[in-house]
Amino acid sequence: MTSVPKEDVYSIRKLIREAEAISDEAMIACSKLKLAIVKARQNPELPVDAGQRAIMRLTQAEQQALTMSTSLLRVHDELSKAGREFCGDDQGGMTNVSPSAIGSDMAAQVLEPA
């Protein structure tokens, strides 16, 4: 087992959590925006289809944010595995990511060529 400087470990831990938090904030912001658009178009003076294309595009952006969040969970999982391999057990405990949360079956198909 090699020794990884604690500063690197703490920096990576902080940065992955920061990236995950930003991803969550993006999803929250998209949800709030969608709610505001749908509420605004309930105005009886607006046509029924007002903002429909914007909602469709926003839904696409939300899906992309969810994909990013899932990818970050996969990164977190890989970092945890590397941490166990190169740093040993941490007193604070390692992160255990559920395979269903990251779609590990799907990830294995993408990462391993047939």
N, C-alpha and C. Protein backbone atom coordinates (compact mmCIF):
# COMPACT_ATOMS: atom_id res chain seq x y z
N MET A 1 0.85 -1.18 0.00
CA MET A 1 0.00 0.00 0.00
C MET A 1 0.89 1.24 0.00
N THR A 2 0.61 2.17 -0.88
CA THR A 2 1.39 3.40 -0.95
C THR A 2 0.77 4.44 -0.04
N SER A 3 1.54 5.43 0.27
CA SER A 3 1.06 6.48 1.15
C SER A 3 0.69 7.71 0.32
N VAL A 4 -0.52 8.16 0.47
CA VAL A 4 -0.99 9.36 -0.22
C VAL A 4 -1.02 10.48 0.82
N PRO A 5 -0.43 11.64 0.50
CA PRO A 5 -0.45 12.74 1.46
C PRO A 5 -1.87 13.09 1.91
N LYS A 6 -2.03 13.26 3.21
CA LYS A 6 -3.35 13.56 3.77
C LYS A 6 -3.95 14.83 3.16
N GLU A 7 -3.11 15.80 2.82
CA GLU A 7 -3.62 17.04 2.23
C GLU A 7 -4.35 16.74 0.92
N ASP A 8 -3.79 15.83 0.12
CA ASP A 8 -4.43 15.45 -1.15
C ASP A 8 -5.77 14.78 -0.90
N VAL A 9 -5.78 13.87 0.06
CA VAL A 9 -7.01 13.14 0.38
C VAL A 9 -8.10 14.11 0.84
N TYR A 10 -7.74 15.01 1.76
CA TYR A 10 -8.73 15.96 2.27
C TYR A 10 -9.21 16.92 1.19
N SER A 11 -8.31 17.33 0.32
CA SER A 11 -8.68 18.22 -0.78
C SER A 11 -9.65 17.54 -1.74
N ILE A 12 -9.34 16.29 -2.11
CA ILE A 12 -10.22 15.55 -3.02
C ILE A 12 -11.58 15.33 -2.37
N ARG A 13 -11.58 14.95 -1.10
CA ARG A 13 -12.84 14.72 -0.38
C ARG A 13 -13.70 15.98 -0.38
N LYS A 14 -13.07 17.12 -0.10
CA LYS A 14 -13.79 18.40 -0.07
C LYS A 14 -14.34 18.74 -1.47
N LEU A 15 -13.51 18.55 -2.49
CA LEU A 15 -13.91 18.94 -3.84
C LEU A 15 -15.01 18.05 -4.41
N ILE A 16 -15.00 16.74 -4.12
CA ILE A 16 -16.08 15.89 -4.64
C ILE A 16 -17.39 16.26 -3.96
N ARG A 17 -17.35 16.53 -2.68
CA ARG A 17 -18.57 16.94 -1.98
C ARG A 17 -19.08 18.28 -2.50
N GLU A 18 -18.16 19.17 -2.81
CA GLU A 18 -18.53 20.48 -3.37
C GLU A 18 -19.18 20.30 -4.75
N ALA A 19 -18.60 19.45 -5.58
CA ALA A 19 -19.16 19.20 -6.92
C ALA A 19 -20.55 18.57 -6.81
N GLU A 20 -20.72 17.65 -5.88
CA GLU A 20 -22.04 17.02 -5.69
C GLU A 20 -23.07 18.04 -5.21
N ALA A 21 -22.65 18.92 -4.31
CA ALA A 21 -23.56 19.95 -3.80
C ALA A 21 -23.98 20.92 -4.92
N ILE A 22 -23.04 21.29 -5.76
CA ILE A 22 -23.35 22.20 -6.87
C ILE A 22 -24.31 21.52 -7.84
N SER A 23 -24.11 20.24 -8.08
CA SER A 23 -25.01 19.48 -8.95
C SER A 23 -26.42 19.48 -8.37
N ASP A 24 -26.52 19.25 -7.07
CA ASP A 24 -27.84 19.28 -6.41
C ASP A 24 -28.48 20.66 -6.51
N GLU A 25 -27.68 21.70 -6.32
CA GLU A 25 -28.20 23.07 -6.42
C GLU A 25 -28.72 23.36 -7.83
N ALA A 26 -28.04 22.84 -8.84
CA ALA A 26 -28.50 23.03 -10.22
C ALA A 26 -29.86 22.37 -10.42
N MET A 27 -30.03 21.17 -9.87
CA MET A 27 -31.32 20.49 -10.01
C MET A 27 -32.43 21.25 -9.27
N ILE A 28 -32.10 21.78 -8.09
CA ILE A 28 -33.08 22.56 -7.33
C ILE A 28 -33.46 23.83 -8.10
N ALA A 29 -32.47 24.51 -8.67
CA ALA A 29 -32.73 25.74 -9.43
C ALA A 29 -33.61 25.46 -10.64
N CYS A 30 -33.34 24.35 -11.34
CA CYS A 30 -34.18 23.98 -12.49
C CYS A 30 -35.61 23.70 -12.06
N SER A 31 -35.77 23.04 -10.94
CA SER A 31 -37.12 22.74 -10.44
C SER A 31 -37.88 24.01 -10.09
N LYS A 32 -37.19 24.93 -9.44
CA LYS A 32 -37.83 26.21 -9.08
C LYS A 32 -38.22 26.99 -10.34
N LEU A 33 -37.33 26.98 -11.33
CA LEU A 33 -37.62 27.68 -12.58
C LEU A 33 -38.82 27.07 -13.28
N LYS A 34 -38.88 25.75 -13.33
CA LYS A 34 -40.01 25.09 -13.98
C LYS A 34 -41.31 25.43 -13.26
N LEU A 35 -41.29 25.42 -11.94
CA LEU A 35 -42.48 25.77 -11.16
C LEU A 35 -42.93 27.19 -11.48
N ALA A 36 -41.98 28.12 -11.56
CA ALA A 36 -42.33 29.52 -11.86
C ALA A 36 -42.92 29.65 -13.26
N ILE A 37 -42.38 28.93 -14.22
CA ILE A 37 -42.89 29.01 -15.59
C ILE A 37 -44.32 28.45 -15.65
N VAL A 38 -44.52 27.30 -15.02
CA VAL A 38 -45.86 26.68 -15.06
C VAL A 38 -46.88 27.56 -14.35
N LYS A 39 -46.50 28.14 -13.22
CA LYS A 39 -47.42 29.05 -12.50
C LYS A 39 -47.74 30.27 -13.35
N ALA A 40 -46.72 30.83 -14.01
CA ALA A 40 -46.92 32.04 -14.82
C ALA A 40 -47.87 31.78 -15.99
N ARG A 41 -47.78 30.61 -16.57
CA ARG A 41 -48.62 30.36 -17.74
C ARG A 41 -50.05 29.98 -17.36
N GLN A 42 -50.36 29.93 -16.08
CA GLN A 42 -51.73 29.71 -15.64
C GLN A 42 -52.56 31.00 -15.73
N ASN A 43 -51.90 32.08 -16.09
CA ASN A 43 -52.59 33.35 -16.30
C ASN A 43 -53.59 33.14 -17.43
N PRO A 44 -54.86 33.44 -17.20
CA PRO A 44 -55.89 33.22 -18.22
C PRO A 44 -55.69 34.06 -19.49
N GLU A 45 -54.89 35.10 -19.41
CA GLU A 45 -54.66 35.93 -20.58
C GLU A 45 -53.60 35.35 -21.52
N LEU A 46 -52.90 34.31 -21.08
CA LEU A 46 -51.87 33.69 -21.91
C LEU A 46 -52.44 32.49 -22.64
N PRO A 47 -51.91 32.23 -23.84
CA PRO A 47 -52.35 31.02 -24.53
C PRO A 47 -51.88 29.77 -23.78
N VAL A 48 -52.60 28.68 -23.97
CA VAL A 48 -52.32 27.43 -23.26
C VAL A 48 -50.89 26.94 -23.51
N ASP A 49 -50.38 27.17 -24.72
CA ASP A 49 -49.06 26.65 -25.06
C ASP A 49 -47.91 27.62 -24.75
N ALA A 50 -48.21 28.70 -24.03
CA ALA A 50 -47.16 29.68 -23.70
C ALA A 50 -46.06 29.01 -22.89
N GLY A 51 -44.85 29.16 -23.34
CA GLY A 51 -43.70 28.63 -22.62
C GLY A 51 -43.47 27.14 -22.76
N GLN A 52 -44.26 26.49 -23.62
CA GLN A 52 -44.14 25.03 -23.74
C GLN A 52 -42.74 24.61 -24.20
N ARG A 53 -42.21 25.30 -25.20
CA ARG A 53 -40.86 24.94 -25.68
C ARG A 53 -39.81 25.17 -24.59
N ALA A 54 -40.00 26.23 -23.82
CA ALA A 54 -39.06 26.50 -22.72
C ALA A 54 -39.13 25.38 -21.68
N ILE A 55 -40.32 24.92 -21.38
CA ILE A 55 -40.47 23.82 -20.41
C ILE A 55 -39.83 22.54 -20.95
N MET A 56 -40.01 22.28 -22.23
CA MET A 56 -39.41 21.09 -22.83
C MET A 56 -37.88 21.16 -22.75
N ARG A 57 -37.32 22.33 -23.05
CA ARG A 57 -35.86 22.49 -22.99
C ARG A 57 -35.36 22.42 -21.55
N LEU A 58 -36.14 22.97 -20.63
CA LEU A 58 -35.76 22.93 -19.22
C LEU A 58 -35.79 21.49 -18.70
N THR A 59 -36.76 20.72 -19.14
CA THR A 59 -36.83 19.31 -18.76
C THR A 59 -35.59 18.57 -19.27
N GLN A 60 -35.16 18.91 -20.46
CA GLN A 60 -33.93 18.32 -21.01
C GLN A 60 -32.72 18.71 -20.15
N ALA A 61 -32.66 19.96 -19.73
CA ALA A 61 -31.57 20.42 -18.88
C ALA A 61 -31.60 19.69 -17.53
N GLU A 62 -32.80 19.47 -17.00
CA GLU A 62 -32.92 18.73 -15.74
C GLU A 62 -32.39 17.31 -15.88
N GLN A 63 -32.69 16.68 -17.00
CA GLN A 63 -32.20 15.32 -17.24
C GLN A 63 -30.68 15.32 -17.33
N GLN A 64 -30.12 16.33 -17.96
CA GLN A 64 -28.66 16.43 -18.06
C GLN A 64 -28.04 16.66 -16.68
N ALA A 65 -28.71 17.44 -15.83
CA ALA A 65 -28.22 17.67 -14.47
C ALA A 65 -28.26 16.37 -13.67
N LEU A 66 -29.31 15.58 -13.86
CA LEU A 66 -29.41 14.30 -13.17
C LEU A 66 -28.32 13.34 -13.66
N THR A 67 -28.05 13.37 -14.96
CA THR A 67 -26.97 12.54 -15.51
C THR A 67 -25.63 12.96 -14.92
N MET A 68 -25.41 14.26 -14.77
CA MET A 68 -24.18 14.75 -14.16
C MET A 68 -24.09 14.29 -12.71
N SER A 69 -25.19 14.37 -11.98
CA SER A 69 -25.21 13.94 -10.59
C SER A 69 -24.86 12.46 -10.47
N THR A 70 -25.42 11.65 -11.36
CA THR A 70 -25.13 10.22 -11.35
C THR A 70 -23.66 9.97 -11.68
N SER A 71 -23.13 10.70 -12.63
CA SER A 71 -21.72 10.55 -12.98
C SER A 71 -20.82 10.94 -11.81
N LEU A 72 -21.20 11.99 -11.08
CA LEU A 72 -20.41 12.39 -9.92
C LEU A 72 -20.47 11.32 -8.83
N LEU A 73 -21.62 10.67 -8.67
CA LEU A 73 -21.71 9.56 -7.72
C LEU A 73 -20.77 8.43 -8.13
N ARG A 74 -20.68 8.19 -9.42
CA ARG A 74 -19.75 7.16 -9.91
C ARG A 74 -18.30 7.55 -9.62
N VAL A 75 -17.98 8.83 -9.81
CA VAL A 75 -16.64 9.32 -9.50
C VAL A 75 -16.37 9.13 -8.01
N HIS A 76 -17.36 9.50 -7.18
CA HIS A 76 -17.22 9.35 -5.73
C HIS A 76 -16.97 7.88 -5.37
N ASP A 77 -17.70 6.98 -6.00
CA ASP A 77 -17.54 5.55 -5.75
C ASP A 77 -16.12 5.10 -6.12
N GLU A 78 -15.64 5.54 -7.28
CA GLU A 78 -14.29 5.16 -7.71
C GLU A 78 -13.23 5.73 -6.77
N LEU A 79 -13.43 6.97 -6.31
CA LEU A 79 -12.49 7.56 -5.38
C LEU A 79 -12.48 6.80 -4.05
N SER A 80 -13.65 6.36 -3.61
CA SER A 80 -13.72 5.57 -2.37
C SER A 80 -12.96 4.26 -2.52
N LYS A 81 -13.12 3.62 -3.68
CA LYS A 81 -12.39 2.37 -3.93
C LYS A 81 -10.88 2.63 -3.94
N ALA A 82 -10.47 3.71 -4.59
CA ALA A 82 -9.05 4.06 -4.63
C ALA A 82 -8.55 4.39 -3.23
N GLY A 83 -9.38 5.05 -2.45
CA GLY A 83 -9.00 5.39 -1.08
C GLY A 83 -8.76 4.15 -0.24
N ARG A 84 -9.61 3.15 -0.39
CA ARG A 84 -9.42 1.90 0.35
C ARG A 84 -8.14 1.20 -0.09
N GLU A 85 -7.87 1.28 -1.38
CA GLU A 85 -6.69 0.59 -1.93
C GLU A 85 -5.39 1.28 -1.54
N PHE A 86 -5.35 2.60 -1.65
CA PHE A 86 -4.10 3.32 -1.47
C PHE A 86 -3.93 3.95 -0.09
N CYS A 87 -5.02 4.16 0.62
CA CYS A 87 -4.92 4.86 1.91
C CYS A 87 -5.34 3.99 3.08
N GLY A 88 -5.95 2.85 2.81
CA GLY A 88 -6.43 2.01 3.90
C GLY A 88 -7.72 2.56 4.46
N ASP A 89 -8.17 1.97 5.54
CA ASP A 89 -9.40 2.44 6.17
C ASP A 89 -9.20 3.79 6.81
N ASP A 90 -10.15 4.64 6.60
CA ASP A 90 -10.14 5.98 7.18
C ASP A 90 -10.96 5.94 8.47
N GLN A 91 -10.52 6.66 9.46
CA GLN A 91 -11.25 6.68 10.72
C GLN A 91 -12.65 7.23 10.53
N GLY A 92 -12.84 8.12 9.56
CA GLY A 92 -14.16 8.71 9.31
C GLY A 92 -15.07 7.80 8.52
N GLY A 93 -14.55 6.69 8.02
CA GLY A 93 -15.36 5.76 7.24
C GLY A 93 -15.37 6.14 5.77
N MET A 94 -15.45 5.13 4.93
CA MET A 94 -15.48 5.36 3.49
C MET A 94 -16.93 5.45 3.03
N THR A 95 -17.14 6.08 1.92
CA THR A 95 -18.48 6.20 1.36
C THR A 95 -18.83 4.91 0.64
N ASN A 96 -19.98 4.37 0.96
CA ASN A 96 -20.50 3.20 0.25
C ASN A 96 -21.65 3.66 -0.63
N VAL A 97 -21.46 3.56 -1.93
CA VAL A 97 -22.48 3.98 -2.89
C VAL A 97 -23.21 2.74 -3.37
N SER A 98 -24.52 2.76 -3.25
CA SER A 98 -25.33 1.63 -3.69
C SER A 98 -25.21 1.45 -5.20
N PRO A 99 -24.99 0.21 -5.66
CA PRO A 99 -24.90 -0.02 -7.11
C PRO A 99 -26.14 0.47 -7.86
N SER A 100 -27.31 0.39 -7.24
CA SER A 100 -28.51 0.85 -7.93
C SER A 100 -28.54 2.37 -8.09
N ALA A 101 -27.85 3.09 -7.20
CA ALA A 101 -27.82 4.55 -7.28
C ALA A 101 -27.01 5.04 -8.46
N ILE A 102 -26.03 4.25 -8.86
CA ILE A 102 -25.16 4.69 -9.96
C ILE A 102 -25.37 3.88 -11.22
N GLY A 103 -26.37 2.99 -11.19
CA GLY A 103 -26.63 2.19 -12.37
C GLY A 103 -25.42 1.39 -12.76
N SER A 104 -24.82 0.68 -11.80
CA SER A 104 -23.55 0.00 -12.05
C SER A 104 -23.64 -1.02 -13.17
N ASP A 105 -24.79 -1.65 -13.35
CA ASP A 105 -24.93 -2.60 -14.45
C ASP A 105 -24.77 -1.87 -15.78
N MET A 106 -25.42 -0.72 -15.89
CA MET A 106 -25.33 0.08 -17.10
C MET A 106 -23.92 0.63 -17.27
N ALA A 107 -23.30 1.06 -16.17
CA ALA A 107 -21.95 1.61 -16.23
C ALA A 107 -20.97 0.55 -16.70
N ALA A 108 -21.15 -0.69 -16.25
CA ALA A 108 -20.25 -1.76 -16.64
C ALA A 108 -20.34 -2.00 -18.15
N GLN A 109 -21.54 -1.90 -18.70
CA GLN A 109 -21.73 -2.09 -20.13
C GLN A 109 -21.05 -0.99 -20.92
N VAL A 110 -21.09 0.23 -20.41
CA VAL A 110 -20.50 1.38 -21.10
C VAL A 110 -18.98 1.34 -21.00
N LEU A 111 -18.46 0.99 -19.81
CA LEU A 111 -17.02 1.04 -19.58
C LEU A 111 -16.27 -0.16 -20.13
N GLU A 112 -16.93 -1.30 -20.23
CA GLU A 112 -16.26 -2.50 -20.71
C GLU A 112 -16.74 -2.84 -22.12
N PRO A 113 -15.83 -2.77 -23.11
CA PRO A 113 -16.22 -3.06 -24.49
C PRO A 113 -16.63 -4.52 -24.64
N ALA A 114 -17.56 -4.76 -25.54
CA ALA A 114 -18.06 -6.13 -25.77
C ALA A 114 -17.08 -6.96 -26.54
